[in-house]
Amino acid sequence: MDKRKLMLLVGALIVAIGTAFAARSLFAGASTPQAEAASKLAMGPKVLVAQRALPIGTIITADSLNFQAWPKDMVQDAYFIEGETDMQKMLGTVVRNPITAGEPVTKGNLVAPGDRGFLAAALAPGMRAVTIPVSARTGVAGFVFPGDRIDLVLTQTVKASGQAAALRASETFLKNLRVLATDQSTEQTMVDGKTQVRTFSTVTLEATPKMAEKIAVSQTIGTISLSLRSLADNSAELEQAVASGDVKIPAGATPQQEEALLKQAMNRPLEAGKGSFVTGGDVSRFQRSTMPVTETPRMGGFSSPSPRMGGRDEQVKTGPTVRVTRGKETEDVSLGGK
């Protein structure tokens, strides 16, 4: 090989090695100041942040918020600072503006009980607030708190004419209603860090306008009882709704949009449908399981109009009847006489 070409090759190799070392030193020198700047970032006091996404109308509970260290230069006067904030006063407040998970909570994001527009802020768009009377027996003995989800059960007695036995029936007519307040309190009472259970005489619920009408008329029919829902019920019903196609997620939806749609579906109140009821005959064989015959007087005799129960027409039995019991089921069989 020519000496001149060999010297050029060796020189090029030396230049390449030198360039590689220079580049390595350059990148190492550039990353060091960033690491030093990150390590020297001064942390300020702990501020109150959202533990999870809090949409508009969310009632603040003990597990909704938590204190977290925050950079000193980013702390604002509107933040809630640890040591300066009474967490007991935060419970029961309502989110006025949506807060994302991990975002600091500002004083303008919450509405406290007693503030103007508090209940209106607690309502979801298109919803109404309706209040019903309850007792210790019909109100789950006080184990219902603002933010819980409940079902409504209507118990009524349908009277019969003459000596016939009345029909006693109970049916769940509304499901998954959110509790806004018990009596005039929208917060949980805490004693020594534990939730205090207390009885109440009224409960305020969130419902659609049509459901509010049903709740109003149901109070004139019979007794309304609360049925506390499990936290796992909504997830199970949501899976059934998705499988049946009642809840549809559009194609191309982002994970955030999908989560918002599923959360909205989980929180919507539902009508129980026509099949959710129990009569006295389902509990005791000595009680009726069908609608009693009710006669109304008219000129020249009596007429027996078709009674209605829960929107379902029931066949009226005329003439003599025989009560037949098969196992645990009892029914009145008409003999078809006049």
C-alpha atoms as a PDB file:
ATOM      1  CA  MET A   1       0.000   0.000   0.000  1.00  0.00           C
ATOM      2  CA  ASP A   2       1.197   3.509  -0.785  1.00  0.00           C
ATOM      3  CA  LYS A   3       2.556   5.295   2.320  1.00  0.00           C
ATOM      4  CA  ARG A   4       0.578   8.391   1.426  1.00  0.00           C
ATOM      5  CA  LYS A   5      -2.706   6.506   1.400  1.00  0.00           C
ATOM      6  CA  LEU A   6      -1.838   4.769   4.649  1.00  0.00           C
ATOM      7  CA  MET A   7      -1.123   8.089   6.386  1.00  0.00           C
ATOM      8  CA  LEU A   8      -4.428   9.501   5.140  1.00  0.00           C
ATOM      9  CA  LEU A   9      -6.305   6.456   6.454  1.00  0.00           C
ATOM     10  CA  VAL A  10      -4.631   6.689   9.882  1.00  0.00           C
ATOM     11  CA  GLY A  11      -5.360  10.434  10.013  1.00  0.00           C
ATOM     12  CA  ALA A  12      -9.039   9.899   9.198  1.00  0.00           C
ATOM     13  CA  LEU A  13      -9.273   7.270  11.921  1.00  0.00           C
ATOM     14  CA  ILE A  14      -7.763   9.620  14.477  1.00  0.00           C
ATOM     15  CA  VAL A  15     -10.194  12.403  13.484  1.00  0.00           C
ATOM     16  CA  ALA A  16     -13.174  10.024  13.812  1.00  0.00           C
ATOM     17  CA  ILE A  17     -12.106   8.875  17.277  1.00  0.00           C
ATOM     18  CA  GLY A  18     -11.611  12.471  18.373  1.00  0.00           C
ATOM     19  CA  THR A  19     -15.039  13.482  17.071  1.00  0.00           C
ATOM     20  CA  ALA A  20     -16.690  10.615  18.928  1.00  0.00           C
ATOM     21  CA  PHE A  21     -15.084  11.609  22.239  1.00  0.00           C
ATOM     22  CA  ALA A  22     -16.017  15.258  21.665  1.00  0.00           C
ATOM     23  CA  ALA A  23     -19.661  14.354  21.019  1.00  0.00           C
ATOM     24  CA  ARG A  24     -19.786  12.150  24.098  1.00  0.00           C
ATOM     25  CA  SER A  25     -18.401  14.932  26.255  1.00  0.00           C
ATOM     26  CA  LEU A  26     -20.905  17.386  24.755  1.00  0.00           C
ATOM     27  CA  PHE A  27     -23.962  15.222  25.553  1.00  0.00           C
ATOM     28  CA  ALA A  28     -22.704  14.382  29.023  1.00  0.00           C
ATOM     29  CA  GLY A  29     -22.111  18.042  29.748  1.00  0.00           C
ATOM     30  CA  ALA A  30     -25.597  18.954  28.523  1.00  0.00           C
ATOM     31  CA  SER A  31     -27.393  16.409  30.745  1.00  0.00           C
ATOM     32  CA  THR A  32     -25.508  17.307  33.901  1.00  0.00           C
ATOM     33  CA  PRO A  33     -26.974  20.834  34.309  1.00  0.00           C
ATOM     34  CA  GLN A  34     -30.510  19.449  33.804  1.00  0.00           C
ATOM     35  CA  ALA A  35     -29.992  16.838  36.494  1.00  0.00           C
ATOM     36  CA  GLU A  36     -28.533  19.453  38.809  1.00  0.00           C
ATOM     37  CA  ALA A  37     -31.450  21.819  38.091  1.00  0.00           C
ATOM     38  CA  ALA A  38     -33.971  19.078  38.800  1.00  0.00           C
ATOM     39  CA  SER A  39     -32.264  18.138  42.034  1.00  0.00           C
ATOM     40  CA  LYS A  40     -32.166  21.767  43.155  1.00  0.00           C
ATOM     41  CA  LEU A  41     -35.948  22.340  42.506  1.00  0.00           C
ATOM     42  CA  ALA A  42     -37.265  23.696  45.781  1.00  0.00           C
ATOM     43  CA  MET A  43     -40.389  21.966  47.087  1.00  0.00           C
ATOM     44  CA  GLY A  44     -42.905  24.085  48.931  1.00  0.00           C
ATOM     45  CA  PRO A  45     -45.728  23.193  51.314  1.00  0.00           C
ATOM     46  CA  LYS A  46     -48.191  20.393  50.663  1.00  0.00           C
ATOM     47  CA  VAL A  47     -51.312  21.451  48.767  1.00  0.00           C
ATOM     48  CA  LEU A  48     -54.684  19.759  48.409  1.00  0.00           C
ATOM     49  CA  VAL A  49     -55.015  17.763  45.158  1.00  0.00           C
ATOM     50  CA  ALA A  50     -57.705  15.533  43.682  1.00  0.00           C
ATOM     51  CA  GLN A  51     -57.215  11.802  44.264  1.00  0.00           C
ATOM     52  CA  ARG A  52     -59.279  11.013  41.159  1.00  0.00           C
ATOM     53  CA  ALA A  53     -61.157  12.859  38.431  1.00  0.00           C
ATOM     54  CA  LEU A  54     -63.919  14.969  40.009  1.00  0.00           C
ATOM     55  CA  PRO A  55     -66.644  16.019  37.531  1.00  0.00           C
ATOM     56  CA  ILE A  56     -69.109  18.825  38.154  1.00  0.00           C
ATOM     57  CA  GLY A  57     -71.564  18.031  40.958  1.00  0.00           C
ATOM     58  CA  THR A  58     -69.299  15.587  42.803  1.00  0.00           C
ATOM     59  CA  ILE A  59     -69.828  15.641  46.561  1.00  0.00           C
ATOM     60  CA  ILE A  60     -66.447  15.711  48.317  1.00  0.00           C
ATOM     61  CA  THR A  61     -65.788  12.757  50.632  1.00  0.00           C
ATOM     62  CA  ALA A  62     -62.761  11.794  52.733  1.00  0.00           C
ATOM     63  CA  ASP A  63     -61.212   9.766  49.893  1.00  0.00           C
ATOM     64  CA  SER A  64     -61.643  12.458  47.226  1.00  0.00           C
ATOM     65  CA  LEU A  65     -58.740  14.718  48.230  1.00  0.00           C
ATOM     66  CA  ASN A  66     -55.266  14.410  49.698  1.00  0.00           C
ATOM     67  CA  PHE A  67     -52.284  16.671  50.460  1.00  0.00           C
ATOM     68  CA  GLN A  68     -49.248  16.433  48.184  1.00  0.00           C
ATOM     69  CA  ALA A  69     -45.894  18.252  48.080  1.00  0.00           C
ATOM     70  CA  TRP A  70     -45.833  20.971  45.431  1.00  0.00           C
ATOM     71  CA  PRO A  71     -43.000  23.098  43.925  1.00  0.00           C
ATOM     72  CA  LYS A  72     -42.577  26.267  45.940  1.00  0.00           C
ATOM     73  CA  ASP A  73     -42.610  28.605  42.934  1.00  0.00           C
ATOM     74  CA  MET A  74     -45.872  27.077  41.660  1.00  0.00           C
ATOM     75  CA  VAL A  75     -47.903  27.429  44.871  1.00  0.00           C
ATOM     76  CA  GLN A  76     -50.750  29.921  44.454  1.00  0.00           C
ATOM     77  CA  ASP A  77     -52.843  31.784  46.992  1.00  0.00           C
ATOM     78  CA  ALA A  78     -55.977  29.974  45.807  1.00  0.00           C
ATOM     79  CA  TYR A  79     -54.594  26.560  46.841  1.00  0.00           C
ATOM     80  CA  PHE A  80     -55.533  24.826  50.091  1.00  0.00           C
ATOM     81  CA  ILE A  81     -52.328  24.502  52.169  1.00  0.00           C
ATOM     82  CA  GLU A  82     -51.733  21.746  54.730  1.00  0.00           C
ATOM     83  CA  GLY A  83     -51.877  23.151  58.241  1.00  0.00           C
ATOM     84  CA  GLU A  84     -54.079  26.035  57.109  1.00  0.00           C
ATOM     85  CA  THR A  85     -57.040  23.946  55.879  1.00  0.00           C
ATOM     86  CA  ASP A  86     -59.697  22.243  57.994  1.00  0.00           C
ATOM     87  CA  MET A  87     -60.479  18.988  56.181  1.00  0.00           C
ATOM     88  CA  GLN A  88     -63.717  18.578  58.128  1.00  0.00           C
ATOM     89  CA  LYS A  89     -65.073  21.693  56.441  1.00  0.00           C
ATOM     90  CA  MET A  90     -64.118  20.316  53.035  1.00  0.00           C
ATOM     91  CA  LEU A  91     -66.348  17.241  53.422  1.00  0.00           C
ATOM     92  CA  GLY A  92     -69.757  17.758  51.854  1.00  0.00           C
ATOM     93  CA  THR A  93     -68.679  20.558  49.525  1.00  0.00           C
ATOM     94  CA  VAL A  94     -69.566  20.220  45.852  1.00  0.00           C
ATOM     95  CA  VAL A  95     -67.328  20.518  42.797  1.00  0.00           C
ATOM     96  CA  ARG A  96     -68.346  23.545  40.729  1.00  0.00           C
ATOM     97  CA  ASN A  97     -65.719  23.147  37.966  1.00  0.00           C
ATOM     98  CA  PRO A  98     -64.256  19.799  36.776  1.00  0.00           C
ATOM     99  CA  ILE A  99     -60.954  18.775  38.421  1.00  0.00           C
ATOM    100  CA  THR A 100     -58.583  16.223  36.886  1.00  0.00           C
ATOM    101  CA  ALA A 101     -56.736  13.610  38.944  1.00  0.00           C
ATOM    102  CA  GLY A 102     -53.631  15.082  40.604  1.00  0.00           C
ATOM    103  CA  GLU A 103     -54.687  18.684  39.953  1.00  0.00           C
ATOM    104  CA  PRO A 104     -54.552  21.132  42.890  1.00  0.00           C
ATOM    105  CA  VAL A 105     -57.960  22.141  44.203  1.00  0.00           C
ATOM    106  CA  THR A 106     -58.632  25.872  44.227  1.00  0.00           C
ATOM    107  CA  LYS A 107     -61.114  27.746  46.377  1.00  0.00           C
ATOM    108  CA  GLY A 108     -63.171  28.655  43.320  1.00  0.00           C
ATOM    109  CA  ASN A 109     -63.648  25.001  42.373  1.00  0.00           C
ATOM    110  CA  LEU A 110     -65.798  24.138  45.384  1.00  0.00           C
ATOM    111  CA  VAL A 111     -69.163  25.289  46.718  1.00  0.00           C
ATOM    112  CA  ALA A 112     -69.808  24.891  50.434  1.00  0.00           C
ATOM    113  CA  PRO A 113     -73.179  24.051  52.023  1.00  0.00           C
ATOM    114  CA  GLY A 114     -75.118  27.222  52.703  1.00  0.00           C
ATOM    115  CA  ASP A 115     -73.555  29.070  49.788  1.00  0.00           C
ATOM    116  CA  ARG A 116     -75.854  30.441  47.146  1.00  0.00           C
ATOM    117  CA  GLY A 117     -76.485  27.908  44.394  1.00  0.00           C
ATOM    118  CA  PHE A 118     -75.037  25.015  46.376  1.00  0.00           C
ATOM    119  CA  LEU A 119     -77.771  22.475  45.595  1.00  0.00           C
ATOM    120  CA  ALA A 120     -77.967  23.596  41.973  1.00  0.00           C
ATOM    121  CA  ALA A 121     -74.218  22.980  41.645  1.00  0.00           C
ATOM    122  CA  ALA A 122     -74.637  19.499  43.099  1.00  0.00           C
ATOM    123  CA  LEU A 123     -77.133  18.542  40.391  1.00  0.00           C
ATOM    124  CA  ALA A 124     -75.951  17.052  37.119  1.00  0.00           C
ATOM    125  CA  PRO A 125     -77.186  18.737  33.920  1.00  0.00           C
ATOM    126  CA  GLY A 126     -80.854  17.980  33.255  1.00  0.00           C
ATOM    127  CA  MET A 127     -81.457  16.533  36.737  1.00  0.00           C
ATOM    128  CA  ARG A 128     -83.814  17.626  39.522  1.00  0.00           C
ATOM    129  CA  ALA A 129     -83.734  17.462  43.322  1.00  0.00           C
ATOM    130  CA  VAL A 130     -86.675  15.804  45.082  1.00  0.00           C
ATOM    131  CA  THR A 131     -87.180  15.204  48.822  1.00  0.00           C
ATOM    132  CA  ILE A 132     -89.077  12.307  50.395  1.00  0.00           C
ATOM    133  CA  PRO A 133     -89.871  11.555  54.056  1.00  0.00           C
ATOM    134  CA  VAL A 134     -88.286   8.479  55.643  1.00  0.00           C
ATOM    135  CA  SER A 135     -87.948   6.908  59.072  1.00  0.00           C
ATOM    136  CA  ALA A 136     -85.336   4.758  60.777  1.00  0.00           C
ATOM    137  CA  ARG A 137     -87.076   1.696  59.332  1.00  0.00           C
ATOM    138  CA  THR A 138     -87.483   2.947  55.762  1.00  0.00           C
ATOM    139  CA  GLY A 139     -84.170   4.857  55.717  1.00  0.00           C
ATOM    140  CA  VAL A 140     -81.764   1.929  56.317  1.00  0.00           C
ATOM    141  CA  ALA A 141     -81.401   2.943  59.981  1.00  0.00           C
ATOM    142  CA  GLY A 142     -79.302   5.977  59.053  1.00  0.00           C
ATOM    143  CA  PHE A 143     -76.651   4.056  57.103  1.00  0.00           C
ATOM    144  CA  VAL A 144     -77.202   6.261  54.056  1.00  0.00           C
ATOM    145  CA  PHE A 145     -74.912   9.220  53.425  1.00  0.00           C
ATOM    146  CA  PRO A 146     -74.723  11.975  50.804  1.00  0.00           C
ATOM    147  CA  GLY A 147     -73.137  10.567  47.671  1.00  0.00           C
ATOM    148  CA  ASP A 148     -74.472   7.019  48.163  1.00  0.00           C
ATOM    149  CA  ARG A 149     -76.609   5.285  45.546  1.00  0.00           C
ATOM    150  CA  ILE A 150     -80.010   3.849  46.490  1.00  0.00           C
ATOM    151  CA  ASP A 151     -83.080   2.145  45.010  1.00  0.00           C
ATOM    152  CA  LEU A 152     -86.644   3.145  45.858  1.00  0.00           C
ATOM    153  CA  VAL A 153     -89.157   0.487  46.951  1.00  0.00           C
ATOM    154  CA  LEU A 154     -92.901   1.235  47.056  1.00  0.00           C
ATOM    155  CA  THR A 155     -95.086  -0.832  49.413  1.00  0.00           C
ATOM    156  CA  GLN A 156     -98.875  -0.575  49.054  1.00  0.00           C
ATOM    157  CA  THR A 157    -102.108  -2.339  49.982  1.00  0.00           C
ATOM    158  CA  VAL A 158    -104.831  -2.798  47.364  1.00  0.00           C
ATOM    159  CA  LYS A 159    -108.149  -3.150  49.137  1.00  0.00           C
ATOM    160  CA  ALA A 160    -110.912  -5.517  47.998  1.00  0.00           C
ATOM    161  CA  SER A 161    -114.667  -5.238  48.298  1.00  0.00           C
ATOM    162  CA  GLY A 162    -116.616  -7.175  50.886  1.00  0.00           C
ATOM    163  CA  GLN A 163    -114.744  -9.745  52.956  1.00  0.00           C
ATOM    164  CA  ALA A 164    -112.120 -10.508  50.319  1.00  0.00           C
ATOM    165  CA  ALA A 165    -108.494 -10.246  51.384  1.00  0.00           C
ATOM    166  CA  ALA A 166    -106.522  -7.212  50.298  1.00  0.00           C
ATOM    167  CA  LEU A 167    -103.430  -7.501  48.117  1.00  0.00           C
ATOM    168  CA  ARG A 168    -100.170  -6.426  49.708  1.00  0.00           C
ATOM    169  CA  ALA A 169     -97.408  -5.681  47.203  1.00  0.00           C
ATOM    170  CA  SER A 170     -93.933  -4.214  47.155  1.00  0.00           C
ATOM    171  CA  GLU A 171     -92.005  -3.173  44.057  1.00  0.00           C
ATOM    172  CA  THR A 172     -88.728  -1.479  43.177  1.00  0.00           C
ATOM    173  CA  PHE A 173     -89.679   1.289  40.781  1.00  0.00           C
ATOM    174  CA  LEU A 174     -86.482   3.406  40.583  1.00  0.00           C
ATOM    175  CA  LYS A 175     -82.822   2.381  40.784  1.00  0.00           C
ATOM    176  CA  ASN A 176     -79.384   3.953  41.176  1.00  0.00           C
ATOM    177  CA  LEU A 177     -80.502   7.337  42.507  1.00  0.00           C
ATOM    178  CA  ARG A 178     -77.812   9.544  44.041  1.00  0.00           C
ATOM    179  CA  VAL A 179     -78.363  10.880  47.565  1.00  0.00           C
ATOM    180  CA  LEU A 180     -77.780  14.630  47.697  1.00  0.00           C
ATOM    181  CA  ALA A 181     -78.619  15.310  51.343  1.00  0.00           C
ATOM    182  CA  THR A 182     -80.107  13.781  54.482  1.00  0.00           C
ATOM    183  CA  ASP A 183     -82.365  16.209  56.325  1.00  0.00           C
ATOM    184  CA  GLN A 184     -80.609  19.531  55.612  1.00  0.00           C
ATOM    185  CA  SER A 185     -77.079  18.142  55.762  1.00  0.00           C
ATOM    186  CA  THR A 186     -74.981  17.417  52.671  1.00  0.00           C
ATOM    187  CA  GLU A 187     -71.910  16.175  54.536  1.00  0.00           C
ATOM    188  CA  GLN A 188     -70.870  13.223  56.644  1.00  0.00           C
ATOM    189  CA  THR A 189     -70.433  13.860  60.359  1.00  0.00           C
ATOM    190  CA  MET A 190     -67.001  12.712  61.581  1.00  0.00           C
ATOM    191  CA  VAL A 191     -66.165  11.943  65.228  1.00  0.00           C
ATOM    192  CA  ASP A 192     -62.565  10.953  66.085  1.00  0.00           C
ATOM    193  CA  GLY A 193     -61.929  10.246  62.413  1.00  0.00           C
ATOM    194  CA  LYS A 194     -64.916   7.905  62.098  1.00  0.00           C
ATOM    195  CA  THR A 195     -68.198   8.491  60.270  1.00  0.00           C
ATOM    196  CA  GLN A 196     -71.072   9.021  62.712  1.00  0.00           C
ATOM    197  CA  VAL A 197     -74.307   7.229  61.850  1.00  0.00           C
ATOM    198  CA  ARG A 198     -77.451   9.216  62.613  1.00  0.00           C
ATOM    199  CA  THR A 199     -81.106   8.862  61.716  1.00  0.00           C
ATOM    200  CA  PHE A 200     -82.864  11.389  59.519  1.00  0.00           C
ATOM    201  CA  SER A 201     -86.465  12.222  58.617  1.00  0.00           C
ATOM    202  CA  THR A 202     -86.018  13.346  55.000  1.00  0.00           C
ATOM    203  CA  VAL A 203     -83.682  12.503  52.155  1.00  0.00           C
ATOM    204  CA  THR A 204     -83.057  14.558  49.002  1.00  0.00           C
ATOM    205  CA  LEU A 205     -82.392  12.612  45.813  1.00  0.00           C
ATOM    206  CA  GLU A 206     -81.201  13.420  42.304  1.00  0.00           C
ATOM    207  CA  ALA A 207     -83.622  12.313  39.587  1.00  0.00           C
ATOM    208  CA  THR A 208     -84.757  13.088  36.077  1.00  0.00           C
ATOM    209  CA  PRO A 209     -87.903  15.248  35.697  1.00  0.00           C
ATOM    210  CA  LYS A 210     -90.006  12.169  34.851  1.00  0.00           C
ATOM    211  CA  MET A 211     -88.639  10.252  37.840  1.00  0.00           C
ATOM    212  CA  ALA A 212     -89.392  13.222  40.090  1.00  0.00           C
ATOM    213  CA  GLU A 213     -93.035  12.985  39.006  1.00  0.00           C
ATOM    214  CA  LYS A 214     -93.103   9.256  39.785  1.00  0.00           C
ATOM    215  CA  ILE A 215     -91.609   9.868  43.232  1.00  0.00           C
ATOM    216  CA  ALA A 216     -94.212  12.548  43.947  1.00  0.00           C
ATOM    217  CA  VAL A 217     -97.175  10.345  43.030  1.00  0.00           C
ATOM    218  CA  SER A 218     -95.747   7.269  44.767  1.00  0.00           C
ATOM    219  CA  GLN A 219     -95.918   9.095  48.100  1.00  0.00           C
ATOM    220  CA  THR A 220     -99.728   9.235  47.731  1.00  0.00           C
ATOM    221  CA  ILE A 221     -99.976   5.507  46.952  1.00  0.00           C
ATOM    222  CA  GLY A 222     -98.066   3.868  49.783  1.00  0.00           C
ATOM    223  CA  THR A 223     -94.825   3.823  51.769  1.00  0.00           C
ATOM    224  CA  ILE A 224     -91.446   4.473  50.163  1.00  0.00           C
ATOM    225  CA  SER A 225     -88.370   2.668  51.502  1.00  0.00           C
ATOM    226  CA  LEU A 226     -84.703   3.174  50.640  1.00  0.00           C
ATOM    227  CA  SER A 227     -82.595   0.229  49.499  1.00  0.00           C
ATOM    228  CA  LEU A 228     -78.847   0.914  49.725  1.00  0.00           C
ATOM    229  CA  ARG A 229     -76.866  -0.257  46.693  1.00  0.00           C
ATOM    230  CA  SER A 230     -73.508  -1.983  46.747  1.00  0.00           C
ATOM    231  CA  LEU A 231     -70.583  -0.232  45.075  1.00  0.00           C
ATOM    232  CA  ALA A 232     -70.093  -3.311  42.881  1.00  0.00           C
ATOM    233  CA  ASP A 233     -73.649  -3.241  41.510  1.00  0.00           C
ATOM    234  CA  ASN A 234     -72.966  -0.413  39.063  1.00  0.00           C
ATOM    235  CA  SER A 235     -69.973  -2.204  37.552  1.00  0.00           C
ATOM    236  CA  ALA A 236     -71.958  -5.416  37.040  1.00  0.00           C
ATOM    237  CA  GLU A 237     -74.913  -3.597  35.490  1.00  0.00           C
ATOM    238  CA  LEU A 238     -72.553  -1.587  33.288  1.00  0.00           C
ATOM    239  CA  GLU A 239     -71.012  -4.788  31.924  1.00  0.00           C
ATOM    240  CA  GLN A 240     -74.494  -6.104  31.140  1.00  0.00           C
ATOM    241  CA  ALA A 241     -75.444  -2.834  29.427  1.00  0.00           C
ATOM    242  CA  VAL A 242     -72.295  -2.876  27.290  1.00  0.00           C
ATOM    243  CA  ALA A 243     -72.832  -6.541  26.378  1.00  0.00           C
ATOM    244  CA  SER A 244     -76.483  -5.932  25.423  1.00  0.00           C
ATOM    245  CA  GLY A 245     -75.635  -2.850  23.368  1.00  0.00           C
ATOM    246  CA  ASP A 246     -77.511  -0.356  25.589  1.00  0.00           C
ATOM    247  CA  VAL A 247     -74.214   1.494  26.096  1.00  0.00           C
ATOM    248  CA  LYS A 248     -72.330   2.066  22.855  1.00  0.00           C
ATOM    249  CA  ILE A 249     -68.792   3.422  22.589  1.00  0.00           C
ATOM    250  CA  PRO A 250     -68.143   5.125  19.243  1.00  0.00           C
ATOM    251  CA  ALA A 251     -65.316   3.829  17.093  1.00  0.00           C
ATOM    252  CA  GLY A 252     -62.101   5.775  17.425  1.00  0.00           C
ATOM    253  CA  ALA A 253     -62.905   7.099  20.896  1.00  0.00           C
ATOM    254  CA  THR A 254     -59.884   7.986  23.017  1.00  0.00           C
ATOM    255  CA  PRO A 255     -59.354   6.242  26.384  1.00  0.00           C
ATOM    256  CA  GLN A 256     -60.407   9.466  28.117  1.00  0.00           C
ATOM    257  CA  GLN A 257     -63.635   9.679  26.105  1.00  0.00           C
ATOM    258  CA  GLU A 258     -64.341   5.996  26.696  1.00  0.00           C
ATOM    259  CA  GLU A 259     -63.828   6.409  30.440  1.00  0.00           C
ATOM    260  CA  ALA A 260     -66.137   9.442  30.503  1.00  0.00           C
ATOM    261  CA  LEU A 261     -68.894   7.571  28.635  1.00  0.00           C
ATOM    262  CA  LEU A 262     -68.658   4.552  30.930  1.00  0.00           C
ATOM    263  CA  LYS A 263     -68.667   6.729  34.049  1.00  0.00           C
ATOM    264  CA  GLN A 264     -71.729   8.597  32.782  1.00  0.00           C
ATOM    265  CA  ALA A 265     -73.507   5.299  32.137  1.00  0.00           C
ATOM    266  CA  MET A 266     -72.667   4.018  35.628  1.00  0.00           C
ATOM    267  CA  ASN A 267     -74.047   7.133  37.311  1.00  0.00           C
ATOM    268  CA  ARG A 268     -77.351   7.470  35.464  1.00  0.00           C
ATOM    269  CA  PRO A 269     -80.552   6.627  37.392  1.00  0.00           C
ATOM    270  CA  LEU A 270     -82.698   3.826  36.000  1.00  0.00           C
ATOM    271  CA  GLU A 271     -86.331   2.784  35.982  1.00  0.00           C
ATOM    272  CA  ALA A 272     -86.751  -0.688  37.390  1.00  0.00           C
ATOM    273  CA  GLY A 273     -89.105  -1.934  34.667  1.00  0.00           C
ATOM    274  CA  LYS A 274     -92.299  -3.945  35.031  1.00  0.00           C
ATOM    275  CA  GLY A 275     -90.976  -7.196  36.410  1.00  0.00           C
ATOM    276  CA  SER A 276     -89.524  -6.124  39.740  1.00  0.00           C
ATOM    277  CA  PHE A 277     -92.299  -6.655  42.306  1.00  0.00           C
ATOM    278  CA  VAL A 278     -93.305  -9.039  45.099  1.00  0.00           C
ATOM    279  CA  THR A 279     -96.796  -9.738  46.446  1.00  0.00           C
ATOM    280  CA  GLY A 280     -97.933 -11.118  49.770  1.00  0.00           C
ATOM    281  CA  GLY A 281     -98.436 -14.516  48.145  1.00  0.00           C
ATOM    282  CA  ASP A 282     -94.694 -14.694  47.437  1.00  0.00           C
ATOM    283  CA  VAL A 283     -93.989 -14.429  51.157  1.00  0.00           C
ATOM    284  CA  SER A 284     -96.871 -16.345  52.725  1.00  0.00           C
ATOM    285  CA  ARG A 285     -99.284 -18.882  51.230  1.00  0.00           C
ATOM    286  CA  PHE A 286    -102.058 -17.289  53.269  1.00  0.00           C
ATOM    287  CA  GLN A 287    -101.757 -13.977  51.395  1.00  0.00           C
ATOM    288  CA  ARG A 288    -103.071 -12.970  48.004  1.00  0.00           C
ATOM    289  CA  SER A 289    -100.867 -13.128  44.925  1.00  0.00           C
ATOM    290  CA  THR A 290    -103.376 -11.629  42.458  1.00  0.00           C
ATOM    291  CA  MET A 291    -105.369  -8.443  42.255  1.00  0.00           C
ATOM    292  CA  PRO A 292    -108.601  -8.561  44.321  1.00  0.00           C
ATOM    293  CA  VAL A 293    -112.002  -7.976  42.725  1.00  0.00           C
ATOM    294  CA  THR A 294    -113.220  -4.466  43.464  1.00  0.00           C
ATOM    295  CA  GLU A 295    -116.870  -3.751  42.703  1.00  0.00           C
ATOM    296  CA  THR A 296    -118.293  -0.311  42.058  1.00  0.00           C
ATOM    297  CA  PRO A 297    -122.031   0.297  42.480  1.00  0.00           C
ATOM    298  CA  ARG A 298    -124.177   1.225  39.500  1.00  0.00           C
ATOM    299  CA  MET A 299    -127.874   1.377  38.770  1.00  0.00           C
ATOM    300  CA  GLY A 300    -129.365  -2.105  38.702  1.00  0.00           C
ATOM    301  CA  GLY A 301    -126.424  -3.940  40.223  1.00  0.00           C
ATOM    302  CA  PHE A 302    -122.626  -3.868  40.421  1.00  0.00           C
ATOM    303  CA  SER A 303    -119.876  -3.613  37.876  1.00  0.00           C
ATOM    304  CA  SER A 304    -116.333  -4.876  38.243  1.00  0.00           C
ATOM    305  CA  PRO A 305    -113.876  -2.611  36.440  1.00  0.00           C
ATOM    306  CA  SER A 306    -110.466  -3.940  35.436  1.00  0.00           C
ATOM    307  CA  PRO A 307    -108.007  -2.760  38.063  1.00  0.00           C
ATOM    308  CA  ARG A 308    -104.508  -1.686  37.108  1.00  0.00           C
ATOM    309  CA  MET A 309    -101.292  -2.324  38.987  1.00  0.00           C
ATOM    310  CA  GLY A 310     -97.991  -0.811  37.957  1.00  0.00           C
ATOM    311  CA  GLY A 311     -99.236  -0.130  34.432  1.00  0.00           C
ATOM    312  CA  ARG A 312    -100.259  -3.796  33.830  1.00  0.00           C
ATOM    313  CA  ASP A 313    -103.880  -4.769  33.253  1.00  0.00           C
ATOM    314  CA  GLU A 314    -104.990  -7.673  35.430  1.00  0.00           C
ATOM    315  CA  GLN A 315    -107.852 -10.023  34.516  1.00  0.00           C
ATOM    316  CA  VAL A 316    -110.779  -9.679  36.909  1.00  0.00           C
ATOM    317  CA  LYS A 317    -112.175 -12.964  38.162  1.00  0.00           C
ATOM    318  CA  THR A 318    -115.971 -13.045  38.491  1.00  0.00           C
ATOM    319  CA  GLY A 319    -118.139 -15.629  40.196  1.00  0.00           C
ATOM    320  CA  PRO A 320    -117.019 -18.105  42.846  1.00  0.00           C
ATOM    321  CA  THR A 321    -113.306 -18.735  43.194  1.00  0.00           C
ATOM    322  CA  VAL A 322    -111.211 -21.479  44.762  1.00  0.00           C
ATOM    323  CA  ARG A 323    -107.825 -20.826  46.340  1.00  0.00           C
ATOM    324  CA  VAL A 324    -105.345 -23.434  45.100  1.00  0.00           C
ATOM    325  CA  THR A 325    -101.910 -23.905  46.705  1.00  0.00           C
ATOM    326  CA  ARG A 326     -99.097 -25.611  44.787  1.00  0.00           C
ATOM    327  CA  GLY A 327     -95.976 -25.807  46.913  1.00  0.00           C
ATOM    328  CA  LYS A 328     -95.211 -22.223  47.913  1.00  0.00           C
ATOM    329  CA  GLU A 329     -97.447 -20.610  45.290  1.00  0.00           C
ATOM    330  CA  THR A 330    -101.098 -19.790  45.926  1.00  0.00           C
ATOM    331  CA  GLU A 331    -103.595 -18.520  43.363  1.00  0.00           C
ATOM    332  CA  ASP A 332    -107.357 -17.901  43.142  1.00  0.00           C
ATOM    333  CA  VAL A 333    -109.000 -19.905  40.353  1.00  0.00           C
ATOM    334  CA  SER A 334    -112.340 -18.660  39.038  1.00  0.00           C
ATOM    335  CA  LEU A 335    -115.113 -21.219  38.516  1.00  0.00           C
ATOM    336  CA  GLY A 336    -116.814 -18.917  36.019  1.00  0.00           C
ATOM    337  CA  GLY A 337    -120.183 -18.614  37.752  1.00  0.00           C
ATOM    338  CA  LYS A 338    -122.478 -15.599  37.669  1.00  0.00           C
END
